[in-house]
PDB file of all heavy atoms in Angstrom:
ATOM      1  N   THR A   1      26.763  20.285  70.807  1.00  0.00           N
ATOM      2  CA  THR A   1      28.012  20.936  70.407  1.00  0.00           C
ATOM      3  C   THR A   1      27.935  21.450  68.941  1.00  0.00           C
ATOM      4  O   THR A   1      28.412  22.531  68.550  1.00  0.00           O
ATOM      5  CB  THR A   1      29.243  20.115  70.453  1.00  0.00           C
ATOM      6  OG1 THR A   1      29.117  19.640  71.829  1.00  0.00           O
ATOM      7  CG2 THR A   1      30.472  20.819  70.235  1.00  0.00           C
ATOM      8  N   LEU A   2      27.318  20.625  68.025  1.00  0.00           N
ATOM      9  CA  LEU A   2      27.512  20.836  66.595  1.00  0.00           C
ATOM     10  C   LEU A   2      26.211  21.256  65.915  1.00  0.00           C
ATOM     11  O   LEU A   2      26.182  21.639  64.778  1.00  0.00           O
ATOM     12  CB  LEU A   2      28.002  19.572  65.961  1.00  0.00           C
ATOM     13  CG  LEU A   2      29.399  19.184  66.483  1.00  0.00           C
ATOM     14  CD1 LEU A   2      29.675  17.710  66.086  1.00  0.00           C
ATOM     15  CD2 LEU A   2      30.443  20.072  65.861  1.00  0.00           C
ATOM     16  N   GLU A   3      25.014  21.100  66.590  1.00  0.00           N
ATOM     17  CA  GLU A   3      23.812  21.374  65.880  1.00  0.00           C
ATOM     18  C   GLU A   3      22.970  22.294  66.732  1.00  0.00           C
ATOM     19  O   GLU A   3      21.870  22.055  67.078  1.00  0.00           O
ATOM     20  CB  GLU A   3      23.050  20.156  65.556  1.00  0.00           C
ATOM     21  CG  GLU A   3      23.833  19.227  64.621  1.00  0.00           C
ATOM     22  CD  GLU A   3      23.129  17.867  64.414  1.00  0.00           C
ATOM     23  OE1 GLU A   3      21.971  17.684  64.989  1.00  0.00           O
ATOM     24  OE2 GLU A   3      23.671  17.019  63.706  1.00  0.00           O
ATOM     25  N   LYS A   4      23.537  23.500  67.125  1.00  0.00           N
ATOM     26  CA  LYS A   4      22.861  24.509  67.896  1.00  0.00           C
ATOM     27  C   LYS A   4      21.657  24.984  67.213  1.00  0.00           C
ATOM     28  O   LYS A   4      20.728  25.399  67.845  1.00  0.00           O
ATOM     29  CB  LYS A   4      23.851  25.476  68.347  1.00  0.00           C
ATOM     30  CG  LYS A   4      24.924  24.944  69.283  1.00  0.00           C
ATOM     31  CD  LYS A   4      25.979  26.090  69.692  1.00  0.00           C
ATOM     32  CE  LYS A   4      27.085  25.478  70.462  1.00  0.00           C
ATOM     33  NZ  LYS A   4      28.066  26.617  70.872  1.00  0.00           N
ATOM     34  N   ASP A   5      21.815  25.214  65.952  1.00  0.00           N
ATOM     35  CA  ASP A   5      20.715  25.830  65.163  1.00  0.00           C
ATOM     36  C   ASP A   5      19.670  24.860  64.754  1.00  0.00           C
ATOM     37  O   ASP A   5      19.560  24.452  63.669  1.00  0.00           O
ATOM     38  CB  ASP A   5      21.326  26.514  63.949  1.00  0.00           C
ATOM     39  CG  ASP A   5      22.079  25.574  63.052  1.00  0.00           C
ATOM     40  OD1 ASP A   5      22.637  24.604  63.584  1.00  0.00           O
ATOM     41  OD2 ASP A   5      22.260  25.865  61.827  1.00  0.00           O
ATOM     42  N   VAL A   6      18.884  24.470  65.855  1.00  0.00           N
ATOM     43  CA  VAL A   6      17.791  23.482  65.595  1.00  0.00           C
ATOM     44  C   VAL A   6      16.680  24.093  64.772  1.00  0.00           C
ATOM     45  O   VAL A   6      16.669  25.389  64.645  1.00  0.00           O
ATOM     46  CB  VAL A   6      17.223  22.926  66.954  1.00  0.00           C
ATOM     47  CG1 VAL A   6      18.248  22.138  67.642  1.00  0.00           C
ATOM     48  CG2 VAL A   6      16.717  24.091  67.794  1.00  0.00           C
ATOM     49  N   GLU A   7      15.795  23.355  64.285  1.00  0.00           N
ATOM     50  CA  GLU A   7      14.764  23.891  63.431  1.00  0.00           C
ATOM     51  C   GLU A   7      13.975  24.978  64.068  1.00  0.00           C
ATOM     52  O   GLU A   7      13.284  24.808  65.196  1.00  0.00           O
ATOM     53  CB  GLU A   7      13.807  22.715  62.982  1.00  0.00           C
ATOM     54  CG  GLU A   7      14.582  21.618  62.143  1.00  0.00           C
ATOM     55  CD  GLU A   7      13.650  20.467  61.897  1.00  0.00           C
ATOM     56  OE1 GLU A   7      12.481  20.431  62.262  1.00  0.00           O
ATOM     57  OE2 GLU A   7      14.107  19.520  61.156  1.00  0.00           O
ATOM     58  N   PRO A   8      13.972  26.247  63.436  1.00  0.00           N
ATOM     59  CA  PRO A   8      13.223  27.320  64.126  1.00  0.00           C
ATOM     60  C   PRO A   8      11.723  27.230  63.939  1.00  0.00           C
ATOM     61  O   PRO A   8      11.007  27.896  64.600  1.00  0.00           O
ATOM     62  CB  PRO A   8      13.814  28.502  63.341  1.00  0.00           C
ATOM     63  CG  PRO A   8      14.120  27.919  61.978  1.00  0.00           C
ATOM     64  CD  PRO A   8      14.562  26.479  62.276  1.00  0.00           C
ATOM     65  N   LEU A   9      11.131  26.450  62.932  1.00  0.00           N
ATOM     66  CA  LEU A   9       9.785  26.343  62.662  1.00  0.00           C
ATOM     67  C   LEU A   9       9.445  24.926  62.381  1.00  0.00           C
ATOM     68  O   LEU A   9      10.286  24.078  62.006  1.00  0.00           O
ATOM     69  CB  LEU A   9       9.399  27.186  61.416  1.00  0.00           C
ATOM     70  CG  LEU A   9       9.498  28.694  61.547  1.00  0.00           C
ATOM     71  CD1 LEU A   9       9.312  29.325  60.187  1.00  0.00           C
ATOM     72  CD2 LEU A   9       8.518  29.221  62.619  1.00  0.00           C
ATOM     73  N   PRO A  10       8.221  24.525  62.741  1.00  0.00           N
ATOM     74  CA  PRO A  10       7.885  23.131  62.420  1.00  0.00           C
ATOM     75  C   PRO A  10       7.818  22.962  60.907  1.00  0.00           C
ATOM     76  O   PRO A  10       7.389  23.795  60.154  1.00  0.00           O
ATOM     77  CB  PRO A  10       6.424  23.005  63.043  1.00  0.00           C
ATOM     78  CG  PRO A  10       5.941  24.402  63.108  1.00  0.00           C
ATOM     79  CD  PRO A  10       7.126  25.202  63.399  1.00  0.00           C
ATOM     80  N   VAL A  11       8.298  21.760  60.469  1.00  0.00           N
ATOM     81  CA  VAL A  11       8.361  21.544  59.068  1.00  0.00           C
ATOM     82  C   VAL A  11       6.860  21.291  58.517  1.00  0.00           C
ATOM     83  O   VAL A  11       6.101  20.660  59.216  1.00  0.00           O
ATOM     84  CB  VAL A  11       9.211  20.328  58.750  1.00  0.00           C
ATOM     85  CG1 VAL A  11       9.226  19.966  57.267  1.00  0.00           C
ATOM     86  CG2 VAL A  11      10.537  20.497  59.259  1.00  0.00           C
ATOM     87  N   PRO A  12       6.586  21.850  57.369  1.00  0.00           N
ATOM     88  CA  PRO A  12       5.242  21.638  56.802  1.00  0.00           C
ATOM     89  C   PRO A  12       4.982  20.086  56.635  1.00  0.00           C
ATOM     90  O   PRO A  12       5.726  19.365  56.044  1.00  0.00           O
ATOM     91  CB  PRO A  12       5.248  22.296  55.397  1.00  0.00           C
ATOM     92  CG  PRO A  12       6.696  22.468  55.170  1.00  0.00           C
ATOM     93  CD  PRO A  12       7.440  22.595  56.397  1.00  0.00           C
ATOM     94  N   ARG A  13       3.834  19.692  57.132  1.00  0.00           N
ATOM     95  CA  ARG A  13       3.415  18.305  57.130  1.00  0.00           C
ATOM     96  C   ARG A  13       2.964  17.816  55.717  1.00  0.00           C
ATOM     97  O   ARG A  13       3.136  16.758  55.429  1.00  0.00           O
ATOM     98  CB  ARG A  13       2.446  17.944  58.174  1.00  0.00           C
ATOM     99  CG  ARG A  13       2.901  18.249  59.634  1.00  0.00           C
ATOM    100  CD  ARG A  13       1.812  17.868  60.614  1.00  0.00           C
ATOM    101  NE  ARG A  13       1.518  16.427  60.623  1.00  0.00           N
ATOM    102  CZ  ARG A  13       2.249  15.517  61.261  1.00  0.00           C
ATOM    103  NH1 ARG A  13       3.313  15.896  61.920  1.00  0.00           N
ATOM    104  NH2 ARG A  13       1.868  14.239  61.201  1.00  0.00           N
ATOM    105  N   GLU A  14       2.322  18.735  55.014  1.00  0.00           N
ATOM    106  CA  GLU A  14       1.873  18.355  53.754  1.00  0.00           C
ATOM    107  C   GLU A  14       2.459  19.297  52.668  1.00  0.00           C
ATOM    108  O   GLU A  14       2.883  20.433  53.063  1.00  0.00           O
ATOM    109  CB  GLU A  14       0.284  18.430  53.650  1.00  0.00           C
ATOM    110  CG  GLU A  14      -0.378  17.591  54.712  1.00  0.00           C
ATOM    111  CD  GLU A  14      -0.268  16.120  54.440  1.00  0.00           C
ATOM    112  OE1 GLU A  14      -0.049  15.780  53.201  1.00  0.00           O
ATOM    113  OE2 GLU A  14      -0.432  15.363  55.354  1.00  0.00           O
ATOM    114  N   ARG A  15       2.529  18.774  51.506  1.00  0.00           N
ATOM    115  CA  ARG A  15       3.072  19.625  50.411  1.00  0.00           C
ATOM    116  C   ARG A  15       2.132  20.884  50.176  1.00  0.00           C
ATOM    117  O   ARG A  15       0.977  20.722  49.957  1.00  0.00           O
ATOM    118  CB  ARG A  15       3.226  18.833  49.041  1.00  0.00           C
ATOM    119  CG  ARG A  15       3.862  19.618  48.024  1.00  0.00           C
ATOM    120  CD  ARG A  15       4.144  18.788  46.745  1.00  0.00           C
ATOM    121  NE  ARG A  15       4.813  17.547  47.166  1.00  0.00           N
ATOM    122  CZ  ARG A  15       6.156  17.503  47.292  1.00  0.00           C
ATOM    123  NH1 ARG A  15       6.859  18.600  47.170  1.00  0.00           N
ATOM    124  NH2 ARG A  15       6.789  16.389  47.596  1.00  0.00           N
ATOM    125  N   THR A  16       2.696  22.014  50.222  1.00  0.00           N
ATOM    126  CA  THR A  16       1.940  23.211  50.063  1.00  0.00           C
ATOM    127  C   THR A  16       1.743  23.505  48.593  1.00  0.00           C
ATOM    128  O   THR A  16       2.753  23.775  47.938  1.00  0.00           O
ATOM    129  CB  THR A  16       2.623  24.472  50.708  1.00  0.00           C
ATOM    130  OG1 THR A  16       2.821  24.122  52.047  1.00  0.00           O
ATOM    131  CG2 THR A  16       1.720  25.638  50.638  1.00  0.00           C
ATOM    132  N   PRO A  17       0.553  23.610  48.036  1.00  0.00           N
ATOM    133  CA  PRO A  17       0.413  23.896  46.666  1.00  0.00           C
ATOM    134  C   PRO A  17       0.888  25.283  46.407  1.00  0.00           C
ATOM    135  O   PRO A  17       0.620  26.227  47.148  1.00  0.00           O
ATOM    136  CB  PRO A  17      -1.149  23.805  46.389  1.00  0.00           C
ATOM    137  CG  PRO A  17      -1.637  22.989  47.498  1.00  0.00           C
ATOM    138  CD  PRO A  17      -0.739  23.284  48.608  1.00  0.00           C
ATOM    139  N   ALA A  18       1.742  25.454  45.403  1.00  0.00           N
ATOM    140  CA  ALA A  18       2.292  26.756  45.164  1.00  0.00           C
ATOM    141  C   ALA A  18       2.629  26.905  43.677  1.00  0.00           C
ATOM    142  O   ALA A  18       2.998  25.897  43.015  1.00  0.00           O
ATOM    143  CB  ALA A  18       3.575  26.965  45.977  1.00  0.00           C
ATOM    144  N   SER A  19       2.568  28.089  43.155  1.00  0.00           N
ATOM    145  CA  SER A  19       2.984  28.309  41.818  1.00  0.00           C
ATOM    146  C   SER A  19       4.433  28.666  41.767  1.00  0.00           C
ATOM    147  O   SER A  19       4.975  29.489  42.544  1.00  0.00           O
ATOM    148  CB  SER A  19       2.192  29.503  41.251  1.00  0.00           C
ATOM    149  OG  SER A  19       2.650  29.967  39.998  1.00  0.00           O
ATOM    150  N   GLN A  20       5.180  27.938  40.917  1.00  0.00           N
ATOM    151  CA  GLN A  20       6.648  28.160  40.801  1.00  0.00           C
ATOM    152  C   GLN A  20       6.817  28.386  39.269  1.00  0.00           C
ATOM    153  O   GLN A  20       7.243  27.511  38.490  1.00  0.00           O
ATOM    154  CB  GLN A  20       7.343  26.937  41.225  1.00  0.00           C
ATOM    155  CG  GLN A  20       7.318  26.653  42.753  1.00  0.00           C
ATOM    156  CD  GLN A  20       8.233  25.491  43.150  1.00  0.00           C
ATOM    157  OE1 GLN A  20       7.645  24.446  43.468  1.00  0.00           O
ATOM    158  NE2 GLN A  20       9.464  25.679  43.175  1.00  0.00           N
ATOM    159  N   PRO A  21       6.746  29.635  38.901  1.00  0.00           N
ATOM    160  CA  PRO A  21       6.922  30.028  37.457  1.00  0.00           C
ATOM    161  C   PRO A  21       8.323  29.598  36.973  1.00  0.00           C
ATOM    162  O   PRO A  21       9.243  29.592  37.678  1.00  0.00           O
ATOM    163  CB  PRO A  21       6.773  31.606  37.415  1.00  0.00           C
ATOM    164  CG  PRO A  21       6.032  31.883  38.676  1.00  0.00           C
ATOM    165  CD  PRO A  21       6.439  30.821  39.731  1.00  0.00           C
ATOM    166  N   ILE A  22       8.378  29.265  35.720  1.00  0.00           N
ATOM    167  CA  ILE A  22       9.570  28.836  35.042  1.00  0.00           C
ATOM    168  C   ILE A  22      10.420  30.078  34.857  1.00  0.00           C
ATOM    169  O   ILE A  22       9.971  31.147  34.439  1.00  0.00           O
ATOM    170  CB  ILE A  22       9.320  28.155  33.679  1.00  0.00           C
ATOM    171  CG1 ILE A  22       8.521  26.855  33.847  1.00  0.00           C
ATOM    172  CG2 ILE A  22      10.602  27.973  32.915  1.00  0.00           C
ATOM    173  CD1 ILE A  22       8.162  26.245  32.638  1.00  0.00           C
ATOM    174  N   ILE A  23      11.734  29.992  35.126  1.00  0.00           N
ATOM    175  CA  ILE A  23      12.700  31.082  34.815  1.00  0.00           C
ATOM    176  C   ILE A  23      13.227  30.813  33.495  1.00  0.00           C
ATOM    177  O   ILE A  23      14.253  30.041  33.376  1.00  0.00           O
ATOM    178  CB  ILE A  23      13.795  31.114  35.980  1.00  0.00           C
ATOM    179  CG1 ILE A  23      13.126  31.203  37.312  1.00  0.00           C
ATOM    180  CG2 ILE A  23      14.715  32.270  35.710  1.00  0.00           C
ATOM    181  CD1 ILE A  23      14.129  31.188  38.473  1.00  0.00           C
ATOM    182  N   TRP A  24      12.681  31.362  32.459  1.00  0.00           N
ATOM    183  CA  TRP A  24      13.117  31.056  31.108  1.00  0.00           C
ATOM    184  C   TRP A  24      14.606  31.436  30.834  1.00  0.00           C
ATOM    185  O   TRP A  24      15.215  30.784  30.038  1.00  0.00           O
ATOM    186  CB  TRP A  24      12.213  31.741  30.133  1.00  0.00           C
ATOM    187  CG  TRP A  24      10.784  31.086  30.141  1.00  0.00           C
ATOM    188  CD1 TRP A  24       9.641  31.562  30.624  1.00  0.00           C
ATOM    189  CD2 TRP A  24      10.564  29.818  29.487  1.00  0.00           C
ATOM    190  NE1 TRP A  24       8.634  30.687  30.446  1.00  0.00           N
ATOM    191  CE2 TRP A  24       9.143  29.541  29.775  1.00  0.00           C
ATOM    192  CE3 TRP A  24      11.276  28.857  28.949  1.00  0.00           C
ATOM    193  CZ2 TRP A  24       8.455  28.455  29.377  1.00  0.00           C
ATOM    194  CZ3 TRP A  24      10.628  27.701  28.502  1.00  0.00           C
ATOM    195  CH2 TRP A  24       9.275  27.472  28.722  1.00  0.00           C
ATOM    196  N   ARG A  25      15.041  32.488  31.446  1.00  0.00           N
ATOM    197  CA  ARG A  25      16.434  32.845  31.272  1.00  0.00           C
ATOM    198  C   ARG A  25      17.341  31.626  31.715  1.00  0.00           C
ATOM    199  O   ARG A  25      18.448  31.337  31.052  1.00  0.00           O
ATOM    200  CB  ARG A  25      16.788  34.111  32.085  1.00  0.00           C
ATOM    201  CG  ARG A  25      18.194  34.588  31.991  1.00  0.00           C
ATOM    202  CD  ARG A  25      18.483  35.699  32.898  1.00  0.00           C
ATOM    203  NE  ARG A  25      18.238  35.461  34.279  1.00  0.00           N
ATOM    204  CZ  ARG A  25      18.307  36.213  35.277  1.00  0.00           C
ATOM    205  NH1 ARG A  25      18.576  37.579  35.080  1.00  0.00           N
ATOM    206  NH2 ARG A  25      18.050  35.848  36.540  1.00  0.00           N
ATOM    207  N   ASN A  26      17.014  31.057  32.846  1.00  0.00           N
ATOM    208  CA  ASN A  26      17.804  29.871  33.295  1.00  0.00           C
ATOM    209  C   ASN A  26      17.656  28.729  32.391  1.00  0.00           C
ATOM    210  O   ASN A  26      18.591  27.951  32.107  1.00  0.00           O
ATOM    211  CB  ASN A  26      17.421  29.549  34.759  1.00  0.00           C
ATOM    212  CG  ASN A  26      17.861  30.597  35.707  1.00  0.00           C
ATOM    213  OD1 ASN A  26      18.342  31.579  35.399  1.00  0.00           O
ATOM    214  ND2 ASN A  26      17.663  30.212  37.021  1.00  0.00           N
ATOM    215  N   VAL A  27      16.463  28.510  31.976  1.00  0.00           N
ATOM    216  CA  VAL A  27      16.232  27.287  31.066  1.00  0.00           C
ATOM    217  C   VAL A  27      17.045  27.451  29.752  1.00  0.00           C
ATOM    218  O   VAL A  27      17.736  26.519  29.316  1.00  0.00           O
ATOM    219  CB  VAL A  27      14.677  27.228  30.722  1.00  0.00           C
ATOM    220  CG1 VAL A  27      14.485  26.084  29.671  1.00  0.00           C
ATOM    221  CG2 VAL A  27      13.907  26.852  32.025  1.00  0.00           C
ATOM    222  N   ILE A  28      16.939  28.656  29.218  1.00  0.00           N
ATOM    223  CA  ILE A  28      17.664  28.855  27.911  1.00  0.00           C
ATOM    224  C   ILE A  28      19.158  28.797  28.143  1.00  0.00           C
ATOM    225  O   ILE A  28      19.884  28.172  27.370  1.00  0.00           O
ATOM    226  CB  ILE A  28      17.242  30.256  27.315  1.00  0.00           C
ATOM    227  CG1 ILE A  28      15.750  30.201  26.928  1.00  0.00           C
ATOM    228  CG2 ILE A  28      18.195  30.552  26.156  1.00  0.00           C
ATOM    229  CD1 ILE A  28      15.244  31.585  26.503  1.00  0.00           C
ATOM    230  N   GLY A  29      19.588  29.286  29.260  1.00  0.00           N
ATOM    231  CA  GLY A  29      21.064  29.359  29.566  1.00  0.00           C
ATOM    232  C   GLY A  29      21.583  27.929  29.730  1.00  0.00           C
ATOM    233  O   GLY A  29      22.612  27.558  29.171  1.00  0.00           O
ATOM    234  N   ILE A  30      20.813  27.085  30.467  1.00  0.00           N
ATOM    235  CA  ILE A  30      21.234  25.692  30.654  1.00  0.00           C
ATOM    236  C   ILE A  30      21.231  24.882  29.362  1.00  0.00           C
ATOM    237  O   ILE A  30      22.138  24.119  29.107  1.00  0.00           O
ATOM    238  CB  ILE A  30      20.250  25.034  31.700  1.00  0.00           C
ATOM    239  CG1 ILE A  30      20.521  25.627  33.172  1.00  0.00           C
ATOM    240  CG2 ILE A  30      20.480  23.535  31.759  1.00  0.00           C
ATOM    241  CD1 ILE A  30      19.528  25.204  34.182  1.00  0.00           C
ATOM    242  N   ILE A  31      20.196  25.115  28.470  1.00  0.00           N
ATOM    243  CA  ILE A  31      20.163  24.404  27.232  1.00  0.00           C
ATOM    244  C   ILE A  31      21.376  24.840  26.303  1.00  0.00           C
ATOM    245  O   ILE A  31      22.045  23.905  25.796  1.00  0.00           O
ATOM    246  CB  ILE A  31      18.878  24.702  26.580  1.00  0.00           C
ATOM    247  CG1 ILE A  31      17.595  24.137  27.296  1.00  0.00           C
ATOM    248  CG2 ILE A  31      18.846  24.152  25.009  1.00  0.00           C
ATOM    249  CD1 ILE A  31      16.314  24.534  26.740  1.00  0.00           C
ATOM    250  N   VAL A  32      21.607  26.125  26.233  1.00  0.00           N
ATOM    251  CA  VAL A  32      22.719  26.586  25.385  1.00  0.00           C
ATOM    252  C   VAL A  32      24.032  26.111  25.945  1.00  0.00           C
ATOM    253  O   VAL A  32      24.910  25.658  25.221  1.00  0.00           O
ATOM    254  CB  VAL A  32      22.735  28.174  25.389  1.00  0.00           C
ATOM    255  CG1 VAL A  32      24.017  28.649  24.752  1.00  0.00           C
ATOM    256  CG2 VAL A  32      21.532  28.692  24.650  1.00  0.00           C
ATOM    257  N   LEU A  33      24.220  26.093  27.241  1.00  0.00           N
ATOM    258  CA  LEU A  33      25.474  25.621  27.916  1.00  0.00           C
ATOM    259  C   LEU A  33      25.686  24.189  27.476  1.00  0.00           C
ATOM    260  O   LEU A  33      26.827  23.823  27.094  1.00  0.00           O
ATOM    261  CB  LEU A  33      25.446  25.800  29.413  1.00  0.00           C
ATOM    262  CG  LEU A  33      26.651  25.445  30.157  1.00  0.00           C
ATOM    263  CD1 LEU A  33      27.907  26.244  29.785  1.00  0.00           C
ATOM    264  CD2 LEU A  33      26.364  25.542  31.690  1.00  0.00           C
ATOM    265  N   HIS A  34      24.673  23.356  27.628  1.00  0.00           N
ATOM    266  CA  HIS A  34      24.855  21.860  27.322  1.00  0.00           C
ATOM    267  C   HIS A  34      25.043  21.735  25.849  1.00  0.00           C
ATOM    268  O   HIS A  34      25.804  20.758  25.404  1.00  0.00           O
ATOM    269  CB  HIS A  34      23.659  21.147  27.874  1.00  0.00           C
ATOM    270  CG  HIS A  34      23.699  20.895  29.240  1.00  0.00           C
ATOM    271  ND1 HIS A  34      23.410  21.840  30.247  1.00  0.00           N
ATOM    272  CD2 HIS A  34      23.894  19.700  30.044  1.00  0.00           C
ATOM    273  CE1 HIS A  34      23.426  21.351  31.432  1.00  0.00           C
ATOM    274  NE2 HIS A  34      23.793  20.064  31.357  1.00  0.00           N
ATOM    275  N   PHE A  35      24.351  22.505  24.987  1.00  0.00           N
ATOM    276  CA  PHE A  35      24.550  22.465  23.533  1.00  0.00           C
ATOM    277  C   PHE A  35      25.996  22.689  23.176  1.00  0.00           C
ATOM    278  O   PHE A  35      26.634  21.943  22.426  1.00  0.00           O
ATOM    279  CB  PHE A  35      23.631  23.400  22.820  1.00  0.00           C
ATOM    280  CG  PHE A  35      23.933  23.432  21.297  1.00  0.00           C
ATOM    281  CD1 PHE A  35      23.476  22.414  20.492  1.00  0.00           C
ATOM    282  CD2 PHE A  35      24.646  24.471  20.833  1.00  0.00           C
ATOM    283  CE1 PHE A  35      23.756  22.453  19.084  1.00  0.00           C
ATOM    284  CE2 PHE A  35      24.910  24.523  19.421  1.00  0.00           C
ATOM    285  CZ  PHE A  35      24.457  23.547  18.602  1.00  0.00           C
ATOM    286  N   LEU A  36      26.568  23.730  23.738  1.00  0.00           N
ATOM    287  CA  LEU A  36      27.959  24.116  23.402  1.00  0.00           C
ATOM    288  C   LEU A  36      28.910  22.979  23.867  1.00  0.00           C
ATOM    289  O   LEU A  36      29.887  22.733  23.237  1.00  0.00           O
ATOM    290  CB  LEU A  36      28.287  25.441  24.107  1.00  0.00           C
ATOM    291  CG  LEU A  36      27.573  26.726  23.504  1.00  0.00           C
ATOM    292  CD1 LEU A  36      27.863  27.963  24.362  1.00  0.00           C
ATOM    293  CD2 LEU A  36      27.979  26.921  22.063  1.00  0.00           C
ATOM    294  N   ALA A  37      28.699  22.444  25.029  1.00  0.00           N
ATOM    295  CA  ALA A  37      29.571  21.421  25.556  1.00  0.00           C
ATOM    296  C   ALA A  37      29.509  20.173  24.684  1.00  0.00           C
ATOM    297  O   ALA A  37      30.557  19.667  24.262  1.00  0.00           O
ATOM    298  CB  ALA A  37      29.201  21.033  26.985  1.00  0.00           C
ATOM    299  N   VAL A  38      28.266  19.799  24.300  1.00  0.00           N
ATOM    300  CA  VAL A  38      28.197  18.530  23.428  1.00  0.00           C
ATOM    301  C   VAL A  38      28.670  18.802  22.063  1.00  0.00           C
ATOM    302  O   VAL A  38      29.523  18.017  21.506  1.00  0.00           O
ATOM    303  CB  VAL A  38      26.689  18.135  23.360  1.00  0.00           C
ATOM    304  CG1 VAL A  38      26.549  16.972  22.369  1.00  0.00           C
ATOM    305  CG2 VAL A  38      26.193  17.699  24.777  1.00  0.00           C
ATOM    306  N   TYR A  39      28.372  19.965  21.483  1.00  0.00           N
ATOM    307  CA  TYR A  39      28.764  20.288  20.154  1.00  0.00           C
ATOM    308  C   TYR A  39      30.336  20.356  20.093  1.00  0.00           C
ATOM    309  O   TYR A  39      30.979  19.955  19.213  1.00  0.00           O
ATOM    310  CB  TYR A  39      28.280  21.606  19.732  1.00  0.00           C
ATOM    311  CG  TYR A  39      28.793  22.102  18.321  1.00  0.00           C
ATOM    312  CD1 TYR A  39      28.391  21.571  17.194  1.00  0.00           C
ATOM    313  CD2 TYR A  39      29.687  23.215  18.393  1.00  0.00           C
ATOM    314  CE1 TYR A  39      28.961  22.005  15.949  1.00  0.00           C
ATOM    315  CE2 TYR A  39      30.215  23.638  17.185  1.00  0.00           C
ATOM    316  CZ  TYR A  39      29.852  23.000  15.931  1.00  0.00           C
ATOM    317  OH  TYR A  39      30.389  23.538  14.771  1.00  0.00           O
ATOM    318  N   GLY A  40      30.909  21.087  21.164  1.00  0.00           N
ATOM    319  CA  GLY A  40      32.427  21.184  21.231  1.00  0.00           C
ATOM    320  C   GLY A  40      33.032  19.852  21.329  1.00  0.00           C
ATOM    321  O   GLY A  40      34.144  19.626  20.654  1.00  0.00           O
ATOM    322  N   PHE A  41      32.556  18.911  22.075  1.00  0.00           N
ATOM    323  CA  PHE A  41      33.144  17.577  22.255  1.00  0.00           C
ATOM    324  C   PHE A  41      33.032  16.807  20.898  1.00  0.00           C
ATOM    325  O   PHE A  41      34.060  16.219  20.476  1.00  0.00           O
ATOM    326  CB  PHE A  41      32.475  16.840  23.331  1.00  0.00           C
ATOM    327  CG  PHE A  41      32.974  15.458  23.508  1.00  0.00           C
ATOM    328  CD1 PHE A  41      34.179  15.281  24.208  1.00  0.00           C
ATOM    329  CD2 PHE A  41      32.374  14.335  22.961  1.00  0.00           C
ATOM    330  CE1 PHE A  41      34.720  14.014  24.391  1.00  0.00           C
ATOM    331  CE2 PHE A  41      32.911  13.051  23.201  1.00  0.00           C
ATOM    332  CZ  PHE A  41      34.098  12.894  23.923  1.00  0.00           C
TER     333      PHE A  41
END
C-alpha cells in the first residue's frame, strides 16, 4: 500500500570511486553565514 515505488535499480555493492569537486561558493557561503551568526551573538 505504502511503498509501491520499490528500488528501480540494484544498489551499488561497492563504493564507486568518483571525483566530487568542492563547490567553493557553498563553502564560502556556509562559513560567512556561521561567522555572522556567531559574531552577532
